[in-house]
Amino acid sequence: MNVTPSNDTAPLIRIDLPALIRLQADARALRLPGSRPVAVRKAGAARSTQKGRGMAFAEVRQYHPGDDIRSIDWRVTARRQTPHTKLYEEERERPLLLICDLGDSLYFGSQGAYKRVRAAQTAGLIAWLGLFAGDQVGGIVFSDHAYEVLRPARRRKAVVRLLDSLVRRQDDHRGDATVDASRRGAGLDEALREARRIAHTGSRVFIISDFINLTPETPGLIAQLARHNTLSALRIVDPLEQHLPDRGRFAIAGPEGPLWFDAGNANFRKAFEAKVAEHEYQVERCFSKAGVGVSSIYTGQQPAQALKTILGPRGRLG
């Protein structure tokens, strides 16, 4: 049997630029955690809770008992003949870097949309969230064959460039003649290395992938990137990757045509369940070592719905 959603609608296999631009409407109903400045201004050289983010000067006011004497502004104090202290607040602007996987393993979907479509939609939605929060937005969009780097910038044009890259990189599947030959051999590890090179200390980094192609090097690259930045991992999952149909034959569409399987074959089910368990373990192990949480977004979900659940009432991701 063909695996299709319950409403018998075929999965959405690709996304276009107008659809990604329309996601800004969904973004206005959400907020990106950790992107706004603290409401309370502080006197003195207080530390920011964000990795690598400092305190920016806000204003000078009259000294209050309990203020750090090291924050006294002696020039203003001398001019006004009363002690005045400098106030600081956390830096308002924070670079946001999206690492989005559109590799061959995401060229698949049994419900709602292909994984690559959900990955692109998730990246697009977070990009709009970052822009509306006043952050610099950039990304690394990659496949198994090529990647594109877009440095963070605080402009709508930067977000649109990122969205355009998400649309174009959908065609980087096997056998596509348009793939940039100079960028062949790309993948998650290469994207992580590139992220280390361009990410400013204290950046917010979202990694969007199915994490099918982890290598022995991946945990170390994740740990290095997490050391000076705040990482969130968003795993794109199709339900069929975790639970087989109860019985019958089914087909999975892929870049080289449909593949048929027999869900009633006991040996196949056993091998499948072992593979799923091993992959779950490898993903958890890869990110837990770096203290990074992994949240799942399913192809049957709309990204806005999924992110609203992940953010939660306190607006914390991961």
C-alpha atoms as a PDB file:
ATOM      1  CA  MET A   1       0.000   0.000   0.000  1.00  0.00           C
ATOM      2  CA  ASN A   2       1.072   3.602  -0.455  1.00  0.00           C
ATOM      3  CA  VAL A   3       1.620   5.466   2.794  1.00  0.00           C
ATOM      4  CA  THR A   4      -0.418   8.678   2.765  1.00  0.00           C
ATOM      5  CA  PRO A   5      -1.959  10.968   5.409  1.00  0.00           C
ATOM      6  CA  SER A   6      -5.387  10.121   6.787  1.00  0.00           C
ATOM      7  CA  ASN A   7      -7.010  12.758   4.567  1.00  0.00           C
ATOM      8  CA  ASP A   8      -5.611  10.991   1.473  1.00  0.00           C
ATOM      9  CA  THR A   9      -3.751  14.135   0.415  1.00  0.00           C
ATOM     10  CA  ALA A  10      -0.287  13.498  -0.994  1.00  0.00           C
ATOM     11  CA  PRO A  11       2.580  14.991   1.048  1.00  0.00           C
ATOM     12  CA  LEU A  12       3.821  18.418  -0.039  1.00  0.00           C
ATOM     13  CA  ILE A  13       7.094  17.669  -1.815  1.00  0.00           C
ATOM     14  CA  ARG A  14       8.571  21.161  -2.153  1.00  0.00           C
ATOM     15  CA  ILE A  15       8.157  24.717  -0.914  1.00  0.00           C
ATOM     16  CA  ASP A  16       8.352  28.001  -2.829  1.00  0.00           C
ATOM     17  CA  LEU A  17       9.541  31.470  -1.863  1.00  0.00           C
ATOM     18  CA  PRO A  18       6.094  33.123  -1.537  1.00  0.00           C
ATOM     19  CA  ALA A  19       5.045  30.399   0.925  1.00  0.00           C
ATOM     20  CA  LEU A  20       8.141  30.985   3.063  1.00  0.00           C
ATOM     21  CA  ILE A  21       7.560  34.744   3.009  1.00  0.00           C
ATOM     22  CA  ARG A  22       3.974  34.208   4.192  1.00  0.00           C
ATOM     23  CA  LEU A  23       5.340  32.506   7.326  1.00  0.00           C
ATOM     24  CA  GLN A  24       6.002  35.959   8.782  1.00  0.00           C
ATOM     25  CA  ALA A  25       2.318  36.046   9.731  1.00  0.00           C
ATOM     26  CA  ASP A  26       2.812  32.937  11.888  1.00  0.00           C
ATOM     27  CA  ALA A  27       5.998  34.388  13.343  1.00  0.00           C
ATOM     28  CA  ARG A  28       4.164  37.417  14.711  1.00  0.00           C
ATOM     29  CA  ALA A  29       2.150  35.079  16.945  1.00  0.00           C
ATOM     30  CA  LEU A  30       5.287  33.575  18.454  1.00  0.00           C
ATOM     31  CA  ARG A  31       8.336  35.020  20.119  1.00  0.00           C
ATOM     32  CA  LEU A  32      11.920  33.846  20.037  1.00  0.00           C
ATOM     33  CA  PRO A  33      13.300  33.166  23.544  1.00  0.00           C
ATOM     34  CA  GLY A  34      16.413  34.934  24.675  1.00  0.00           C
ATOM     35  CA  SER A  35      16.268  37.660  22.038  1.00  0.00           C
ATOM     36  CA  ARG A  36      14.892  40.599  24.005  1.00  0.00           C
ATOM     37  CA  PRO A  37      16.905  42.796  26.376  1.00  0.00           C
ATOM     38  CA  VAL A  38      16.362  42.421  30.098  1.00  0.00           C
ATOM     39  CA  ALA A  39      13.694  44.714  31.481  1.00  0.00           C
ATOM     40  CA  VAL A  40      15.645  45.736  34.571  1.00  0.00           C
ATOM     41  CA  ARG A  41      18.654  47.905  34.099  1.00  0.00           C
ATOM     42  CA  LYS A  42      21.648  47.231  36.299  1.00  0.00           C
ATOM     43  CA  ALA A  43      24.192  49.450  37.938  1.00  0.00           C
ATOM     44  CA  GLY A  44      27.745  48.253  37.600  1.00  0.00           C
ATOM     45  CA  ALA A  45      29.618  45.753  35.506  1.00  0.00           C
ATOM     46  CA  ALA A  46      27.107  42.918  35.822  1.00  0.00           C
ATOM     47  CA  ARG A  47      27.570  39.788  33.728  1.00  0.00           C
ATOM     48  CA  SER A  48      25.112  38.779  31.045  1.00  0.00           C
ATOM     49  CA  THR A  49      23.511  35.341  31.289  1.00  0.00           C
ATOM     50  CA  GLN A  50      24.031  34.845  27.576  1.00  0.00           C
ATOM     51  CA  LYS A  51      27.256  33.227  26.424  1.00  0.00           C
ATOM     52  CA  GLY A  52      29.673  35.900  25.343  1.00  0.00           C
ATOM     53  CA  ARG A  53      27.158  38.727  25.538  1.00  0.00           C
ATOM     54  CA  GLY A  54      28.111  41.789  27.538  1.00  0.00           C
ATOM     55  CA  MET A  55      26.357  44.794  29.000  1.00  0.00           C
ATOM     56  CA  ALA A  56      25.771  47.930  26.957  1.00  0.00           C
ATOM     57  CA  PHE A  57      25.741  51.429  28.503  1.00  0.00           C
ATOM     58  CA  ALA A  58      22.193  52.753  28.949  1.00  0.00           C
ATOM     59  CA  GLU A  59      22.236  55.994  30.970  1.00  0.00           C
ATOM     60  CA  VAL A  60      23.514  57.825  34.056  1.00  0.00           C
ATOM     61  CA  ARG A  61      21.334  58.366  37.130  1.00  0.00           C
ATOM     62  CA  GLN A  62      21.823  59.551  40.706  1.00  0.00           C
ATOM     63  CA  TYR A  63      23.676  57.071  42.914  1.00  0.00           C
ATOM     64  CA  HIS A  64      21.474  54.830  45.097  1.00  0.00           C
ATOM     65  CA  PRO A  65      22.656  53.002  48.225  1.00  0.00           C
ATOM     66  CA  GLY A  66      23.720  49.502  47.222  1.00  0.00           C
ATOM     67  CA  ASP A  67      24.978  50.475  43.769  1.00  0.00           C
ATOM     68  CA  ASP A  68      28.419  49.197  42.872  1.00  0.00           C
ATOM     69  CA  ILE A  69      30.824  52.066  43.620  1.00  0.00           C
ATOM     70  CA  ARG A  70      32.911  50.967  40.633  1.00  0.00           C
ATOM     71  CA  SER A  71      30.094  52.152  38.382  1.00  0.00           C
ATOM     72  CA  ILE A  72      30.193  55.747  39.636  1.00  0.00           C
ATOM     73  CA  ASP A  73      30.612  58.255  36.804  1.00  0.00           C
ATOM     74  CA  TRP A  74      33.136  60.646  38.337  1.00  0.00           C
ATOM     75  CA  ARG A  75      32.858  63.298  35.623  1.00  0.00           C
ATOM     76  CA  VAL A  76      29.096  63.653  36.051  1.00  0.00           C
ATOM     77  CA  THR A  77      29.505  63.463  39.845  1.00  0.00           C
ATOM     78  CA  ALA A  78      31.996  66.361  39.784  1.00  0.00           C
ATOM     79  CA  ARG A  79      29.843  68.434  37.458  1.00  0.00           C
ATOM     80  CA  ARG A  80      26.612  67.955  39.420  1.00  0.00           C
ATOM     81  CA  GLN A  81      28.201  67.771  42.872  1.00  0.00           C
ATOM     82  CA  THR A  82      26.210  64.622  43.738  1.00  0.00           C
ATOM     83  CA  PRO A  83      27.216  60.975  43.115  1.00  0.00           C
ATOM     84  CA  HIS A  84      25.922  59.540  39.835  1.00  0.00           C
ATOM     85  CA  THR A  85      26.264  55.999  38.547  1.00  0.00           C
ATOM     86  CA  LYS A  86      26.232  54.399  35.116  1.00  0.00           C
ATOM     87  CA  LEU A  87      23.434  52.008  34.190  1.00  0.00           C
ATOM     88  CA  TYR A  88      23.896  49.077  31.843  1.00  0.00           C
ATOM     89  CA  GLU A  89      21.570  46.687  30.085  1.00  0.00           C
ATOM     90  CA  GLU A  90      22.133  43.509  28.134  1.00  0.00           C
ATOM     91  CA  GLU A  91      23.043  44.007  24.507  1.00  0.00           C
ATOM     92  CA  ARG A  92      19.916  44.180  22.405  1.00  0.00           C
ATOM     93  CA  GLU A  93      21.188  42.589  19.224  1.00  0.00           C
ATOM     94  CA  ARG A  94      22.102  38.925  19.060  1.00  0.00           C
ATOM     95  CA  PRO A  95      23.295  37.042  15.973  1.00  0.00           C
ATOM     96  CA  LEU A  96      20.991  34.190  14.979  1.00  0.00           C
ATOM     97  CA  LEU A  97      22.455  31.436  12.814  1.00  0.00           C
ATOM     98  CA  LEU A  98      20.325  28.726  11.203  1.00  0.00           C
ATOM     99  CA  ILE A  99      22.018  25.508  10.073  1.00  0.00           C
ATOM    100  CA  CYS A 100      19.470  23.798   7.832  1.00  0.00           C
ATOM    101  CA  ASP A 101      19.874  20.318   6.359  1.00  0.00           C
ATOM    102  CA  LEU A 102      18.189  19.618   3.004  1.00  0.00           C
ATOM    103  CA  GLY A 103      20.122  16.429   2.278  1.00  0.00           C
ATOM    104  CA  ASP A 104      18.979  13.288   0.495  1.00  0.00           C
ATOM    105  CA  SER A 105      17.611  11.661   3.662  1.00  0.00           C
ATOM    106  CA  LEU A 106      15.074  14.504   3.938  1.00  0.00           C
ATOM    107  CA  TYR A 107      13.789  13.806   0.427  1.00  0.00           C
ATOM    108  CA  PHE A 108      11.012  11.733   1.940  1.00  0.00           C
ATOM    109  CA  GLY A 109       7.649  12.078   3.629  1.00  0.00           C
ATOM    110  CA  SER A 110       4.590   9.976   4.364  1.00  0.00           C
ATOM    111  CA  GLN A 111       2.413  12.564   6.131  1.00  0.00           C
ATOM    112  CA  GLY A 112       1.855  16.264   5.600  1.00  0.00           C
ATOM    113  CA  ALA A 113       5.040  17.151   3.754  1.00  0.00           C
ATOM    114  CA  TYR A 114       8.476  15.879   2.854  1.00  0.00           C
ATOM    115  CA  LYS A 115      11.021  16.311   5.608  1.00  0.00           C
ATOM    116  CA  ARG A 116      12.954  18.833   3.512  1.00  0.00           C
ATOM    117  CA  VAL A 117       9.806  20.983   3.256  1.00  0.00           C
ATOM    118  CA  ARG A 118       9.287  20.953   7.022  1.00  0.00           C
ATOM    119  CA  ALA A 119      12.979  21.741   7.547  1.00  0.00           C
ATOM    120  CA  ALA A 120      12.764  24.731   5.198  1.00  0.00           C
ATOM    121  CA  GLN A 121       9.519  25.949   6.793  1.00  0.00           C
ATOM    122  CA  THR A 122      10.980  25.630  10.293  1.00  0.00           C
ATOM    123  CA  ALA A 123      14.095  27.560   9.296  1.00  0.00           C
ATOM    124  CA  GLY A 124      12.010  30.230   7.600  1.00  0.00           C
ATOM    125  CA  LEU A 125       9.731  30.673  10.589  1.00  0.00           C
ATOM    126  CA  ILE A 126      12.655  31.017  13.005  1.00  0.00           C
ATOM    127  CA  ALA A 127      14.329  33.502  10.647  1.00  0.00           C
ATOM    128  CA  TRP A 128      11.241  35.732  10.759  1.00  0.00           C
ATOM    129  CA  LEU A 129      11.083  35.381  14.540  1.00  0.00           C
ATOM    130  CA  GLY A 130      14.679  36.536  14.793  1.00  0.00           C
ATOM    131  CA  LEU A 131      14.141  39.512  12.506  1.00  0.00           C
ATOM    132  CA  PHE A 132      11.075  40.661  14.452  1.00  0.00           C
ATOM    133  CA  ALA A 133      13.085  40.360  17.681  1.00  0.00           C
ATOM    134  CA  GLY A 134      15.697  42.730  16.258  1.00  0.00           C
ATOM    135  CA  ASP A 135      18.390  40.085  15.790  1.00  0.00           C
ATOM    136  CA  GLN A 136      20.900  39.640  13.004  1.00  0.00           C
ATOM    137  CA  VAL A 137      19.799  36.629  10.944  1.00  0.00           C
ATOM    138  CA  GLY A 138      21.966  34.369   8.802  1.00  0.00           C
ATOM    139  CA  GLY A 139      22.365  30.735   7.947  1.00  0.00           C
ATOM    140  CA  ILE A 140      24.118  27.791   6.394  1.00  0.00           C
ATOM    141  CA  VAL A 141      21.858  25.833   4.055  1.00  0.00           C
ATOM    142  CA  PHE A 142      23.335  22.520   2.973  1.00  0.00           C
ATOM    143  CA  SER A 143      22.692  19.206   1.292  1.00  0.00           C
ATOM    144  CA  ASP A 144      24.861  16.135   0.807  1.00  0.00           C
ATOM    145  CA  HIS A 145      26.344  17.809  -2.250  1.00  0.00           C
ATOM    146  CA  ALA A 146      26.561  21.562  -1.676  1.00  0.00           C
ATOM    147  CA  TYR A 147      26.166  24.308   0.898  1.00  0.00           C
ATOM    148  CA  GLU A 148      25.582  28.044   0.977  1.00  0.00           C
ATOM    149  CA  VAL A 149      26.689  30.495   3.658  1.00  0.00           C
ATOM    150  CA  LEU A 150      24.699  33.633   4.450  1.00  0.00           C
ATOM    151  CA  ARG A 151      26.300  35.792   7.113  1.00  0.00           C
ATOM    152  CA  PRO A 152      23.999  37.247   9.786  1.00  0.00           C
ATOM    153  CA  ALA A 153      22.587  40.698   9.069  1.00  0.00           C
ATOM    154  CA  ARG A 154      19.765  42.710  10.582  1.00  0.00           C
ATOM    155  CA  ARG A 155      17.762  43.376   7.439  1.00  0.00           C
ATOM    156  CA  ARG A 156      14.635  41.948   5.860  1.00  0.00           C
ATOM    157  CA  LYS A 157      16.689  41.438   2.712  1.00  0.00           C
ATOM    158  CA  ALA A 158      18.966  39.041   4.637  1.00  0.00           C
ATOM    159  CA  VAL A 159      15.976  36.904   5.640  1.00  0.00           C
ATOM    160  CA  VAL A 160      14.647  36.828   2.073  1.00  0.00           C
ATOM    161  CA  ARG A 161      18.087  35.742   0.811  1.00  0.00           C
ATOM    162  CA  LEU A 162      18.048  32.912   3.337  1.00  0.00           C
ATOM    163  CA  LEU A 163      14.554  31.860   2.254  1.00  0.00           C
ATOM    164  CA  ASP A 164      15.626  31.924  -1.381  1.00  0.00           C
ATOM    165  CA  SER A 165      18.563  29.652  -0.542  1.00  0.00           C
ATOM    166  CA  LEU A 166      16.193  27.216   1.173  1.00  0.00           C
ATOM    167  CA  VAL A 167      14.104  27.040  -1.997  1.00  0.00           C
ATOM    168  CA  ARG A 168      17.060  26.592  -4.356  1.00  0.00           C
ATOM    169  CA  ARG A 169      18.867  23.986  -2.245  1.00  0.00           C
ATOM    170  CA  GLN A 170      15.817  21.715  -2.440  1.00  0.00           C
ATOM    171  CA  ASP A 171      17.107  20.618  -5.843  1.00  0.00           C
ATOM    172  CA  ASP A 172      20.480  19.409  -4.567  1.00  0.00           C
ATOM    173  CA  HIS A 173      19.426  15.771  -4.624  1.00  0.00           C
ATOM    174  CA  ARG A 174      21.461  13.068  -6.279  1.00  0.00           C
ATOM    175  CA  GLY A 175      21.974  13.476 -10.014  1.00  0.00           C
ATOM    176  CA  ASP A 176      21.053  17.177 -10.180  1.00  0.00           C
ATOM    177  CA  ALA A 177      23.287  18.824 -12.770  1.00  0.00           C
ATOM    178  CA  THR A 178      22.956  22.271 -11.160  1.00  0.00           C
ATOM    179  CA  VAL A 179      24.863  21.355  -7.982  1.00  0.00           C
ATOM    180  CA  ASP A 180      27.898  23.581  -7.436  1.00  0.00           C
ATOM    181  CA  ALA A 181      30.860  21.286  -8.131  1.00  0.00           C
ATOM    182  CA  SER A 182      33.168  23.390  -5.944  1.00  0.00           C
ATOM    183  CA  ARG A 183      31.005  22.638  -2.906  1.00  0.00           C
ATOM    184  CA  ARG A 184      30.555  18.878  -3.347  1.00  0.00           C
ATOM    185  CA  GLY A 185      31.071  16.690  -0.309  1.00  0.00           C
ATOM    186  CA  ALA A 186      29.042  18.956   1.977  1.00  0.00           C
ATOM    187  CA  GLY A 187      27.018  17.634   4.900  1.00  0.00           C
ATOM    188  CA  LEU A 188      26.305  18.332   8.563  1.00  0.00           C
ATOM    189  CA  ASP A 189      29.936  18.121   9.664  1.00  0.00           C
ATOM    190  CA  GLU A 190      31.061  20.574   6.995  1.00  0.00           C
ATOM    191  CA  ALA A 191      28.224  22.939   7.926  1.00  0.00           C
ATOM    192  CA  LEU A 192      29.240  22.786  11.598  1.00  0.00           C
ATOM    193  CA  ARG A 193      32.844  23.614  10.707  1.00  0.00           C
ATOM    194  CA  GLU A 194      31.644  26.572   8.668  1.00  0.00           C
ATOM    195  CA  ALA A 195      29.412  27.693  11.546  1.00  0.00           C
ATOM    196  CA  ARG A 196      32.386  27.724  13.911  1.00  0.00           C
ATOM    197  CA  ARG A 197      34.176  29.982  11.460  1.00  0.00           C
ATOM    198  CA  ILE A 198      31.432  32.582  10.999  1.00  0.00           C
ATOM    199  CA  ALA A 199      29.473  32.496  14.288  1.00  0.00           C
ATOM    200  CA  HIS A 200      30.209  35.385  16.621  1.00  0.00           C
ATOM    201  CA  THR A 201      30.625  34.444  20.260  1.00  0.00           C
ATOM    202  CA  GLY A 202      27.240  34.408  21.948  1.00  0.00           C
ATOM    203  CA  SER A 203      25.267  33.610  18.807  1.00  0.00           C
ATOM    204  CA  ARG A 204      22.009  31.696  18.960  1.00  0.00           C
ATOM    205  CA  VAL A 205      22.412  28.662  16.688  1.00  0.00           C
ATOM    206  CA  PHE A 206      19.574  26.415  15.508  1.00  0.00           C
ATOM    207  CA  ILE A 207      20.487  23.111  13.865  1.00  0.00           C
ATOM    208  CA  ILE A 208      17.612  21.733  11.783  1.00  0.00           C
ATOM    209  CA  SER A 209      18.115  18.209  10.459  1.00  0.00           C
ATOM    210  CA  ASP A 210      16.965  14.606  10.723  1.00  0.00           C
ATOM    211  CA  PHE A 211      20.466  13.775  12.017  1.00  0.00           C
ATOM    212  CA  ILE A 212      20.496  10.579   9.968  1.00  0.00           C
ATOM    213  CA  ASN A 213      24.094  11.034   8.831  1.00  0.00           C
ATOM    214  CA  LEU A 214      25.973  11.588  12.091  1.00  0.00           C
ATOM    215  CA  THR A 215      29.671  10.691  11.989  1.00  0.00           C
ATOM    216  CA  PRO A 216      32.259  10.027  14.725  1.00  0.00           C
ATOM    217  CA  GLU A 217      33.339  13.676  14.307  1.00  0.00           C
ATOM    218  CA  THR A 218      29.888  15.196  14.797  1.00  0.00           C
ATOM    219  CA  PRO A 219      29.758  15.154  18.646  1.00  0.00           C
ATOM    220  CA  GLY A 220      33.073  16.995  18.876  1.00  0.00           C
ATOM    221  CA  LEU A 221      31.985  19.623  16.361  1.00  0.00           C
ATOM    222  CA  ILE A 222      28.710  20.133  18.255  1.00  0.00           C
ATOM    223  CA  ALA A 223      30.595  20.514  21.551  1.00  0.00           C
ATOM    224  CA  GLN A 224      33.003  23.059  20.068  1.00  0.00           C
ATOM    225  CA  LEU A 225      30.165  25.156  18.674  1.00  0.00           C
ATOM    226  CA  ALA A 226      28.176  24.932  21.929  1.00  0.00           C
ATOM    227  CA  ARG A 227      31.141  26.103  23.995  1.00  0.00           C
ATOM    228  CA  HIS A 228      30.717  29.747  22.972  1.00  0.00           C
ATOM    229  CA  ASN A 229      27.178  29.826  21.591  1.00  0.00           C
ATOM    230  CA  THR A 230      23.658  28.788  22.572  1.00  0.00           C
ATOM    231  CA  LEU A 231      22.610  25.762  20.531  1.00  0.00           C
ATOM    232  CA  SER A 232      19.176  24.286  19.887  1.00  0.00           C
ATOM    233  CA  ALA A 233      18.695  21.094  17.866  1.00  0.00           C
ATOM    234  CA  LEU A 234      15.442  20.598  15.969  1.00  0.00           C
ATOM    235  CA  ARG A 235      15.026  17.106  14.585  1.00  0.00           C
ATOM    236  CA  ILE A 236      12.727  16.624  11.590  1.00  0.00           C
ATOM    237  CA  VAL A 237      10.959  13.264  11.855  1.00  0.00           C
ATOM    238  CA  ASP A 238       8.457  11.394   9.701  1.00  0.00           C
ATOM    239  CA  PRO A 239       6.169   9.057  11.708  1.00  0.00           C
ATOM    240  CA  LEU A 240       6.990   6.173   9.383  1.00  0.00           C
ATOM    241  CA  GLU A 241      10.620   6.379  10.517  1.00  0.00           C
ATOM    242  CA  GLN A 242       9.583   5.419  14.041  1.00  0.00           C
ATOM    243  CA  HIS A 243       6.515   3.200  13.599  1.00  0.00           C
ATOM    244  CA  LEU A 244       5.772   0.809  10.740  1.00  0.00           C
ATOM    245  CA  PRO A 245       2.218   0.137   9.525  1.00  0.00           C
ATOM    246  CA  ASP A 246       0.659  -2.868  11.255  1.00  0.00           C
ATOM    247  CA  ARG A 247       0.770  -4.987   8.113  1.00  0.00           C
ATOM    248  CA  GLY A 248       0.895  -4.967   4.329  1.00  0.00           C
ATOM    249  CA  ARG A 249       3.277  -3.680   1.706  1.00  0.00           C
ATOM    250  CA  PHE A 250       4.060   0.002   1.515  1.00  0.00           C
ATOM    251  CA  ALA A 251       6.186   2.261  -0.646  1.00  0.00           C
ATOM    252  CA  ILE A 252       8.503   5.088   0.332  1.00  0.00           C
ATOM    253  CA  ALA A 253       9.171   7.762  -2.280  1.00  0.00           C
ATOM    254  CA  GLY A 254      12.777   8.846  -2.611  1.00  0.00           C
ATOM    255  CA  PRO A 255      15.125  10.671  -4.997  1.00  0.00           C
ATOM    256  CA  GLU A 256      15.661   7.497  -7.044  1.00  0.00           C
ATOM    257  CA  GLY A 257      12.043   6.299  -7.094  1.00  0.00           C
ATOM    258  CA  PRO A 258       9.773   4.327  -4.732  1.00  0.00           C
ATOM    259  CA  LEU A 259      11.100   1.606  -2.435  1.00  0.00           C
ATOM    260  CA  TRP A 260       8.716  -1.196  -1.412  1.00  0.00           C
ATOM    261  CA  PHE A 261       8.673  -2.903   1.985  1.00  0.00           C
ATOM    262  CA  ASP A 262       6.624  -5.635   3.635  1.00  0.00           C
ATOM    263  CA  ALA A 263       5.531  -4.574   7.123  1.00  0.00           C
ATOM    264  CA  GLY A 264       4.369  -8.117   7.843  1.00  0.00           C
ATOM    265  CA  ASN A 265       7.872  -9.570   7.544  1.00  0.00           C
ATOM    266  CA  ALA A 266       9.039 -10.392  11.096  1.00  0.00           C
ATOM    267  CA  ASN A 267      12.739 -10.153  10.260  1.00  0.00           C
ATOM    268  CA  PHE A 268      12.242  -6.794   8.582  1.00  0.00           C
ATOM    269  CA  ARG A 269      10.304  -5.422  11.569  1.00  0.00           C
ATOM    270  CA  LYS A 270      12.966  -6.615  13.999  1.00  0.00           C
ATOM    271  CA  ALA A 271      15.779  -5.057  11.974  1.00  0.00           C
ATOM    272  CA  PHE A 272      13.784  -1.833  11.596  1.00  0.00           C
ATOM    273  CA  GLU A 273      13.116  -1.517  15.338  1.00  0.00           C
ATOM    274  CA  ALA A 274      16.791  -2.139  16.125  1.00  0.00           C
ATOM    275  CA  LYS A 275      17.819   0.544  13.631  1.00  0.00           C
ATOM    276  CA  VAL A 276      15.380   3.060  15.110  1.00  0.00           C
ATOM    277  CA  ALA A 277      16.611   2.401  18.659  1.00  0.00           C
ATOM    278  CA  GLU A 278      20.241   2.755  17.597  1.00  0.00           C
ATOM    279  CA  HIS A 279      19.590   6.045  15.812  1.00  0.00           C
ATOM    280  CA  GLU A 280      17.675   7.470  18.789  1.00  0.00           C
ATOM    281  CA  TYR A 281      20.586   6.564  21.041  1.00  0.00           C
ATOM    282  CA  GLN A 282      23.197   8.112  18.733  1.00  0.00           C
ATOM    283  CA  VAL A 283      21.306  11.401  18.405  1.00  0.00           C
ATOM    284  CA  GLU A 284      20.738  11.677  22.162  1.00  0.00           C
ATOM    285  CA  ARG A 285      24.357  10.829  22.896  1.00  0.00           C
ATOM    286  CA  CYS A 286      25.700  13.287  20.324  1.00  0.00           C
ATOM    287  CA  PHE A 287      23.905  16.291  21.799  1.00  0.00           C
ATOM    288  CA  SER A 288      23.723  15.381  25.491  1.00  0.00           C
ATOM    289  CA  LYS A 289      27.514  15.387  25.674  1.00  0.00           C
ATOM    290  CA  ALA A 290      27.419  19.079  24.762  1.00  0.00           C
ATOM    291  CA  GLY A 291      24.454  19.835  27.022  1.00  0.00           C
ATOM    292  CA  VAL A 292      22.191  20.521  24.035  1.00  0.00           C
ATOM    293  CA  GLY A 293      18.556  19.425  24.067  1.00  0.00           C
ATOM    294  CA  VAL A 294      16.881  17.921  21.005  1.00  0.00           C
ATOM    295  CA  SER A 295      13.263  18.727  20.093  1.00  0.00           C
ATOM    296  CA  SER A 296      11.329  16.862  17.393  1.00  0.00           C
ATOM    297  CA  ILE A 297       9.166  18.348  14.651  1.00  0.00           C
ATOM    298  CA  TYR A 298       7.026  15.810  12.786  1.00  0.00           C
ATOM    299  CA  THR A 299       6.109  16.041   9.119  1.00  0.00           C
ATOM    300  CA  GLY A 300       2.426  15.798  10.025  1.00  0.00           C
ATOM    301  CA  GLN A 301       2.710  19.006  12.076  1.00  0.00           C
ATOM    302  CA  GLN A 302       2.748  22.581  10.899  1.00  0.00           C
ATOM    303  CA  PRO A 303       6.050  24.181  12.063  1.00  0.00           C
ATOM    304  CA  ALA A 304       4.214  27.044  13.800  1.00  0.00           C
ATOM    305  CA  GLN A 305       2.189  24.543  15.813  1.00  0.00           C
ATOM    306  CA  ALA A 306       5.291  22.501  16.626  1.00  0.00           C
ATOM    307  CA  LEU A 307       7.380  25.509  17.665  1.00  0.00           C
ATOM    308  CA  LYS A 308       4.573  26.848  19.849  1.00  0.00           C
ATOM    309  CA  THR A 309       4.605  23.537  21.726  1.00  0.00           C
ATOM    310  CA  ILE A 310       8.397  23.498  21.960  1.00  0.00           C
ATOM    311  CA  LEU A 311       8.664  27.100  23.161  1.00  0.00           C
ATOM    312  CA  GLY A 312       6.120  26.467  25.897  1.00  0.00           C
ATOM    313  CA  PRO A 313       4.528  29.041  28.213  1.00  0.00           C
ATOM    314  CA  ARG A 314       7.924  30.350  29.333  1.00  0.00           C
ATOM    315  CA  GLY A 315       9.284  30.723  25.834  1.00  0.00           C
ATOM    316  CA  ARG A 316      12.233  28.402  26.338  1.00  0.00           C
ATOM    317  CA  LEU A 317      13.478  26.160  23.579  1.00  0.00           C
ATOM    318  CA  GLY A 318      15.151  22.794  24.187  1.00  0.00           C
END
